[in-house]
């Protein structure tokens, strides 16, 4: 029994076959069946979906019809050498984002390399990554950050570093102190609160 023979058996089942039944049908043990299934998965010849059948967790195995991965193959042809910048370009083409467990297939790299590149983009604040569940599996939804999107947030955060034209006394401070007992910080916070109250009064007048 080899992977090609196993694939022929899978192809005879239009609706797929459960993995815990497959090894019995072809007359091999479960570990060998798992190894052959993994080889077929790597070559994109089958799909494997987690299911619960008769109260047990297993996989539903289906053969991949010819041409099913055509779109992915066409896209990968344009990316012979994948780096963080190239990955970002691909992410930018998806307005609603792209799942990380699909991204590495689209660009034609392995999952670990994709994860490393995604982390680099995250560190540079070029993308966002959100935990999601898709098709019963946990993954991440990756979105590109549009230019200027972080600019507003940065400007807003700076507002709370300045009061009466002075930066927070903690900025660049090297003193070993307890913040709740720091006179400089207390005075600065009082100024900040007074400034906020004054701004609210102006808003009411306007």
C-alpha atoms as a PDB file:
ATOM      1  CA  UNK A   1       0.000   0.000   0.000  1.00  0.00           C
ATOM      2  CA  UNK A   2       1.373   3.400  -1.028  1.00  0.00           C
ATOM      3  CA  UNK A   3      -0.022   6.938  -1.144  1.00  0.00           C
ATOM      4  CA  UNK A   4      -1.151   6.633  -4.790  1.00  0.00           C
ATOM      5  CA  UNK A   5      -3.236   3.555  -4.018  1.00  0.00           C
ATOM      6  CA  UNK A   6      -4.699   5.309  -0.981  1.00  0.00           C
ATOM      7  CA  UNK A   7      -5.585   8.310  -3.146  1.00  0.00           C
ATOM      8  CA  UNK A   8      -7.374   6.051  -5.647  1.00  0.00           C
ATOM      9  CA  UNK A   9      -9.533   4.690  -2.826  1.00  0.00           C
ATOM     10  CA  UNK A  10     -10.328   8.198  -1.551  1.00  0.00           C
ATOM     11  CA  UNK A  11     -11.318   9.295  -5.067  1.00  0.00           C
ATOM     12  CA  UNK A  12     -14.014   6.614  -5.175  1.00  0.00           C
ATOM     13  CA  UNK A  13     -15.827   8.369  -2.302  1.00  0.00           C
ATOM     14  CA  UNK A  14     -17.469  11.520  -3.678  1.00  0.00           C
ATOM     15  CA  UNK A  15     -18.610  12.657  -0.230  1.00  0.00           C
ATOM     16  CA  UNK A  16     -15.286  11.764   1.366  1.00  0.00           C
ATOM     17  CA  UNK A  17     -14.309   9.028   3.802  1.00  0.00           C
ATOM     18  CA  UNK A  18     -13.580   9.101   7.527  1.00  0.00           C
ATOM     19  CA  UNK A  19      -9.920   8.533   8.371  1.00  0.00           C
ATOM     20  CA  UNK A  20     -10.799   6.053  11.135  1.00  0.00           C
ATOM     21  CA  UNK A  21     -12.581   3.989   8.464  1.00  0.00           C
ATOM     22  CA  UNK A  22     -10.071   4.511   5.666  1.00  0.00           C
ATOM     23  CA  UNK A  23      -7.284   2.439   7.200  1.00  0.00           C
ATOM     24  CA  UNK A  24      -9.711  -0.441   7.768  1.00  0.00           C
ATOM     25  CA  UNK A  25     -10.994  -0.273   4.180  1.00  0.00           C
ATOM     26  CA  UNK A  26      -7.502  -0.461   2.661  1.00  0.00           C
ATOM     27  CA  UNK A  27      -6.246  -3.017   5.184  1.00  0.00           C
ATOM     28  CA  UNK A  28      -3.397  -1.119   6.844  1.00  0.00           C
ATOM     29  CA  UNK A  29      -2.821   0.038  10.419  1.00  0.00           C
ATOM     30  CA  UNK A  30      -3.848   3.494  11.618  1.00  0.00           C
ATOM     31  CA  UNK A  31      -0.295   4.973  12.009  1.00  0.00           C
ATOM     32  CA  UNK A  32       0.674   4.025   8.442  1.00  0.00           C
ATOM     33  CA  UNK A  33      -2.592   5.462   7.142  1.00  0.00           C
ATOM     34  CA  UNK A  34      -1.855   8.747   8.963  1.00  0.00           C
ATOM     35  CA  UNK A  35       1.612   8.954   7.385  1.00  0.00           C
ATOM     36  CA  UNK A  36       0.234   8.399   3.878  1.00  0.00           C
ATOM     37  CA  UNK A  37      -2.547  10.942   4.463  1.00  0.00           C
ATOM     38  CA  UNK A  38       0.027  13.554   5.533  1.00  0.00           C
ATOM     39  CA  UNK A  39       2.010  12.972   2.329  1.00  0.00           C
ATOM     40  CA  UNK A  40      -1.115  13.500   0.243  1.00  0.00           C
ATOM     41  CA  UNK A  41      -1.940  16.663   2.206  1.00  0.00           C
ATOM     42  CA  UNK A  42       1.524  18.104   1.549  1.00  0.00           C
ATOM     43  CA  UNK A  43       0.977  17.610  -2.181  1.00  0.00           C
ATOM     44  CA  UNK A  44      -2.481  19.240  -1.997  1.00  0.00           C
ATOM     45  CA  UNK A  45      -4.080  16.061  -3.351  1.00  0.00           C
ATOM     46  CA  UNK A  46      -6.617  15.774  -0.527  1.00  0.00           C
ATOM     47  CA  UNK A  47      -8.356  17.905   2.094  1.00  0.00           C
ATOM     48  CA  UNK A  48      -8.764  16.929   5.743  1.00  0.00           C
ATOM     49  CA  UNK A  49     -11.515  18.324   7.956  1.00  0.00           C
ATOM     50  CA  UNK A  50     -12.037  17.722  11.686  1.00  0.00           C
ATOM     51  CA  UNK A  51     -15.386  16.029  12.394  1.00  0.00           C
ATOM     52  CA  UNK A  52     -17.153  14.055  15.112  1.00  0.00           C
ATOM     53  CA  UNK A  53     -18.597  10.746  13.929  1.00  0.00           C
ATOM     54  CA  UNK A  54     -20.356   8.251  16.207  1.00  0.00           C
ATOM     55  CA  UNK A  55     -19.158  10.214  19.230  1.00  0.00           C
ATOM     56  CA  UNK A  56     -15.472  10.078  18.230  1.00  0.00           C
ATOM     57  CA  UNK A  57     -13.207  12.782  16.842  1.00  0.00           C
ATOM     58  CA  UNK A  58     -11.734  11.963  13.457  1.00  0.00           C
ATOM     59  CA  UNK A  59     -11.092  13.506  10.024  1.00  0.00           C
ATOM     60  CA  UNK A  60     -13.175  13.588   6.876  1.00  0.00           C
ATOM     61  CA  UNK A  61     -10.848  12.980   3.929  1.00  0.00           C
ATOM     62  CA  UNK A  62     -11.762  14.195   0.449  1.00  0.00           C
ATOM     63  CA  UNK A  63      -9.815  14.115  -2.794  1.00  0.00           C
ATOM     64  CA  UNK A  64      -9.026  17.451  -4.416  1.00  0.00           C
ATOM     65  CA  UNK A  65     -10.433  17.736  -7.910  1.00  0.00           C
ATOM     66  CA  UNK A  66      -8.019  18.709 -10.663  1.00  0.00           C
ATOM     67  CA  UNK A  67      -7.786  22.494 -10.975  1.00  0.00           C
ATOM     68  CA  UNK A  68      -9.194  23.147  -7.498  1.00  0.00           C
ATOM     69  CA  UNK A  69      -5.932  24.778  -6.437  1.00  0.00           C
ATOM     70  CA  UNK A  70      -5.423  26.528  -9.764  1.00  0.00           C
ATOM     71  CA  UNK A  71      -5.995  30.026  -8.367  1.00  0.00           C
ATOM     72  CA  UNK A  72      -3.467  29.466  -5.607  1.00  0.00           C
ATOM     73  CA  UNK A  73      -0.846  28.157  -8.029  1.00  0.00           C
ATOM     74  CA  UNK A  74      -1.307  31.142 -10.333  1.00  0.00           C
ATOM     75  CA  UNK A  75      -0.846  33.559  -7.442  1.00  0.00           C
ATOM     76  CA  UNK A  76       2.285  31.842  -6.162  1.00  0.00           C
ATOM     77  CA  UNK A  77       3.966  32.127  -9.575  1.00  0.00           C
ATOM     78  CA  UNK A  78       4.281  35.866  -9.034  1.00  0.00           C
ATOM     79  CA  UNK A  79       6.130  35.471  -5.729  1.00  0.00           C
ATOM     80  CA  UNK A  80       9.328  33.454  -6.331  1.00  0.00           C
ATOM     81  CA  UNK A  81      11.122  34.973  -3.318  1.00  0.00           C
ATOM     82  CA  UNK A  82       8.895  35.751  -0.366  1.00  0.00           C
ATOM     83  CA  UNK A  83       9.877  38.393   2.179  1.00  0.00           C
ATOM     84  CA  UNK A  84       7.928  40.536   4.647  1.00  0.00           C
ATOM     85  CA  UNK A  85       7.340  43.256   2.019  1.00  0.00           C
ATOM     86  CA  UNK A  86       5.972  40.774  -0.506  1.00  0.00           C
ATOM     87  CA  UNK A  87       3.704  39.249   2.123  1.00  0.00           C
ATOM     88  CA  UNK A  88       2.400  42.718   2.981  1.00  0.00           C
ATOM     89  CA  UNK A  89       1.606  43.382  -0.693  1.00  0.00           C
ATOM     90  CA  UNK A  90      -0.502  40.215  -0.778  1.00  0.00           C
ATOM     91  CA  UNK A  91      -2.312  41.158   2.458  1.00  0.00           C
ATOM     92  CA  UNK A  92      -3.081  44.619   1.051  1.00  0.00           C
ATOM     93  CA  UNK A  93      -4.980  43.043  -1.847  1.00  0.00           C
ATOM     94  CA  UNK A  94      -7.536  41.657   0.626  1.00  0.00           C
ATOM     95  CA  UNK A  95      -9.727  44.529   1.845  1.00  0.00           C
ATOM     96  CA  UNK A  96     -11.527  42.349   4.391  1.00  0.00           C
ATOM     97  CA  UNK A  97      -8.310  40.648   5.486  1.00  0.00           C
ATOM     98  CA  UNK A  98      -7.026  37.115   4.959  1.00  0.00           C
ATOM     99  CA  UNK A  99      -6.820  34.127   7.296  1.00  0.00           C
ATOM    100  CA  UNK A 100      -3.268  33.233   8.301  1.00  0.00           C
ATOM    101  CA  UNK A 101      -3.875  29.530   7.631  1.00  0.00           C
ATOM    102  CA  UNK A 102      -4.750  30.498   4.034  1.00  0.00           C
ATOM    103  CA  UNK A 103      -2.085  33.167   3.580  1.00  0.00           C
ATOM    104  CA  UNK A 104       0.885  30.795   3.576  1.00  0.00           C
ATOM    105  CA  UNK A 105      -0.810  28.616   0.952  1.00  0.00           C
ATOM    106  CA  UNK A 106      -1.581  31.597  -1.284  1.00  0.00           C
ATOM    107  CA  UNK A 107       2.019  32.844  -1.306  1.00  0.00           C
ATOM    108  CA  UNK A 108       3.506  29.357  -1.530  1.00  0.00           C
ATOM    109  CA  UNK A 109       5.545  29.184   1.692  1.00  0.00           C
ATOM    110  CA  UNK A 110       5.330  26.948   4.748  1.00  0.00           C
ATOM    111  CA  UNK A 111       3.349  27.892   7.844  1.00  0.00           C
ATOM    112  CA  UNK A 112       6.355  28.556  10.178  1.00  0.00           C
ATOM    113  CA  UNK A 113       7.962  30.980   7.699  1.00  0.00           C
ATOM    114  CA  UNK A 114       4.639  32.763   7.243  1.00  0.00           C
ATOM    115  CA  UNK A 115       4.342  33.155  11.041  1.00  0.00           C
ATOM    116  CA  UNK A 116       7.825  34.691  11.242  1.00  0.00           C
ATOM    117  CA  UNK A 117       7.066  37.193   8.477  1.00  0.00           C
ATOM    118  CA  UNK A 118       3.714  38.086  10.056  1.00  0.00           C
ATOM    119  CA  UNK A 119       5.468  38.803  13.384  1.00  0.00           C
ATOM    120  CA  UNK A 120       7.896  41.156  11.626  1.00  0.00           C
ATOM    121  CA  UNK A 121       5.010  43.071  10.069  1.00  0.00           C
ATOM    122  CA  UNK A 122       3.242  43.235  13.438  1.00  0.00           C
ATOM    123  CA  UNK A 123       6.343  44.710  15.100  1.00  0.00           C
ATOM    124  CA  UNK A 124       6.416  47.421  12.437  1.00  0.00           C
ATOM    125  CA  UNK A 125       2.683  48.166  12.965  1.00  0.00           C
ATOM    126  CA  UNK A 126       1.980  47.404   9.300  1.00  0.00           C
ATOM    127  CA  UNK A 127      -0.750  44.825   9.969  1.00  0.00           C
ATOM    128  CA  UNK A 128      -3.264  43.791  12.622  1.00  0.00           C
ATOM    129  CA  UNK A 129      -3.855  40.209  13.761  1.00  0.00           C
ATOM    130  CA  UNK A 130      -7.137  39.082  15.315  1.00  0.00           C
ATOM    131  CA  UNK A 131      -7.945  35.652  16.774  1.00  0.00           C
ATOM    132  CA  UNK A 132     -10.845  33.987  14.928  1.00  0.00           C
ATOM    133  CA  UNK A 133     -12.395  30.559  14.436  1.00  0.00           C
ATOM    134  CA  UNK A 134     -12.821  29.565  10.785  1.00  0.00           C
ATOM    135  CA  UNK A 135     -14.215  26.207   9.672  1.00  0.00           C
ATOM    136  CA  UNK A 136     -13.889  24.923  13.218  1.00  0.00           C
ATOM    137  CA  UNK A 137     -10.181  25.792  13.510  1.00  0.00           C
ATOM    138  CA  UNK A 138      -8.496  28.570  15.465  1.00  0.00           C
ATOM    139  CA  UNK A 139      -6.477  30.944  13.315  1.00  0.00           C
ATOM    140  CA  UNK A 140      -5.810  34.666  12.823  1.00  0.00           C
ATOM    141  CA  UNK A 141      -7.434  37.245  10.570  1.00  0.00           C
ATOM    142  CA  UNK A 142      -4.679  39.417   9.112  1.00  0.00           C
ATOM    143  CA  UNK A 143      -5.422  42.942   7.880  1.00  0.00           C
ATOM    144  CA  UNK A 144      -3.105  45.617   6.532  1.00  0.00           C
ATOM    145  CA  UNK A 145      -3.019  48.971   8.302  1.00  0.00           C
ATOM    146  CA  UNK A 146      -3.730  51.842   5.945  1.00  0.00           C
ATOM    147  CA  UNK A 147      -1.230  54.679   5.844  1.00  0.00           C
ATOM    148  CA  UNK A 148      -2.033  57.281   8.480  1.00  0.00           C
ATOM    149  CA  UNK A 149      -4.289  54.941  10.450  1.00  0.00           C
ATOM    150  CA  UNK A 150      -1.885  54.950  13.403  1.00  0.00           C
ATOM    151  CA  UNK A 151      -1.073  58.631  13.058  1.00  0.00           C
ATOM    152  CA  UNK A 152      -4.268  59.772  14.773  1.00  0.00           C
ATOM    153  CA  UNK A 153      -3.817  57.326  17.630  1.00  0.00           C
ATOM    154  CA  UNK A 154      -0.246  58.507  18.203  1.00  0.00           C
ATOM    155  CA  UNK A 155      -1.293  62.164  18.240  1.00  0.00           C
ATOM    156  CA  UNK A 156      -4.088  61.429  20.713  1.00  0.00           C
ATOM    157  CA  UNK A 157      -1.734  59.541  23.023  1.00  0.00           C
ATOM    158  CA  UNK A 158       0.714  62.473  23.046  1.00  0.00           C
ATOM    159  CA  UNK A 159      -2.023  64.749  24.414  1.00  0.00           C
ATOM    160  CA  UNK A 160      -1.797  62.909  27.723  1.00  0.00           C
ATOM    161  CA  UNK A 161       1.972  63.392  27.924  1.00  0.00           C
ATOM    162  CA  UNK A 162       1.740  67.192  27.906  1.00  0.00           C
ATOM    163  CA  UNK A 163       0.076  69.566  30.356  1.00  0.00           C
ATOM    164  CA  UNK A 164       0.477  73.365  30.346  1.00  0.00           C
ATOM    165  CA  UNK A 165       3.121  72.925  27.679  1.00  0.00           C
ATOM    166  CA  UNK A 166       5.212  70.602  29.870  1.00  0.00           C
ATOM    167  CA  UNK A 167       5.890  66.912  29.358  1.00  0.00           C
ATOM    168  CA  UNK A 168       5.042  64.438  32.097  1.00  0.00           C
ATOM    169  CA  UNK A 169       7.790  64.509  34.756  1.00  0.00           C
ATOM    170  CA  UNK A 170       8.096  60.739  34.310  1.00  0.00           C
ATOM    171  CA  UNK A 171       9.355  61.250  30.755  1.00  0.00           C
ATOM    172  CA  UNK A 172      13.080  60.588  30.941  1.00  0.00           C
ATOM    173  CA  UNK A 173      13.011  60.547  34.769  1.00  0.00           C
ATOM    174  CA  UNK A 174      15.742  58.432  36.370  1.00  0.00           C
ATOM    175  CA  UNK A 175      14.748  58.940  39.996  1.00  0.00           C
ATOM    176  CA  UNK A 176      13.867  55.851  41.999  1.00  0.00           C
ATOM    177  CA  UNK A 177      10.584  56.865  43.586  1.00  0.00           C
ATOM    178  CA  UNK A 178       7.049  55.716  44.257  1.00  0.00           C
ATOM    179  CA  UNK A 179       4.727  57.487  41.765  1.00  0.00           C
ATOM    180  CA  UNK A 180       1.925  57.954  44.314  1.00  0.00           C
ATOM    181  CA  UNK A 181       4.282  60.004  46.529  1.00  0.00           C
ATOM    182  CA  UNK A 182       6.039  61.975  43.769  1.00  0.00           C
ATOM    183  CA  UNK A 183       5.360  65.727  44.185  1.00  0.00           C
ATOM    184  CA  UNK A 184       6.319  66.497  40.571  1.00  0.00           C
ATOM    185  CA  UNK A 185       3.919  63.905  39.199  1.00  0.00           C
ATOM    186  CA  UNK A 186       1.102  64.971  41.553  1.00  0.00           C
ATOM    187  CA  UNK A 187       1.435  68.626  40.472  1.00  0.00           C
ATOM    188  CA  UNK A 188       1.512  67.601  36.822  1.00  0.00           C
ATOM    189  CA  UNK A 189      -1.650  65.460  37.186  1.00  0.00           C
ATOM    190  CA  UNK A 190      -3.410  68.362  38.934  1.00  0.00           C
ATOM    191  CA  UNK A 191      -2.511  70.596  35.977  1.00  0.00           C
ATOM    192  CA  UNK A 192      -3.788  67.953  33.555  1.00  0.00           C
ATOM    193  CA  UNK A 193      -7.135  67.671  35.369  1.00  0.00           C
ATOM    194  CA  UNK A 194      -7.476  71.444  35.557  1.00  0.00           C
ATOM    195  CA  UNK A 195      -6.780  71.653  31.835  1.00  0.00           C
ATOM    196  CA  UNK A 196      -9.482  69.068  31.056  1.00  0.00           C
ATOM    197  CA  UNK A 197     -12.028  70.923  33.224  1.00  0.00           C
ATOM    198  CA  UNK A 198     -11.189  74.185  31.453  1.00  0.00           C
ATOM    199  CA  UNK A 199     -11.600  72.551  28.036  1.00  0.00           C
ATOM    200  CA  UNK A 200     -15.019  71.170  29.025  1.00  0.00           C
ATOM    201  CA  UNK A 201     -16.122  74.647  30.155  1.00  0.00           C
ATOM    202  CA  UNK A 202     -15.080  76.057  26.785  1.00  0.00           C
ATOM    203  CA  UNK A 203     -17.043  73.330  24.974  1.00  0.00           C
ATOM    204  CA  UNK A 204     -20.171  74.226  26.967  1.00  0.00           C
ATOM    205  CA  UNK A 205     -19.758  77.918  26.144  1.00  0.00           C
ATOM    206  CA  UNK A 206     -19.373  77.153  22.450  1.00  0.00           C
END
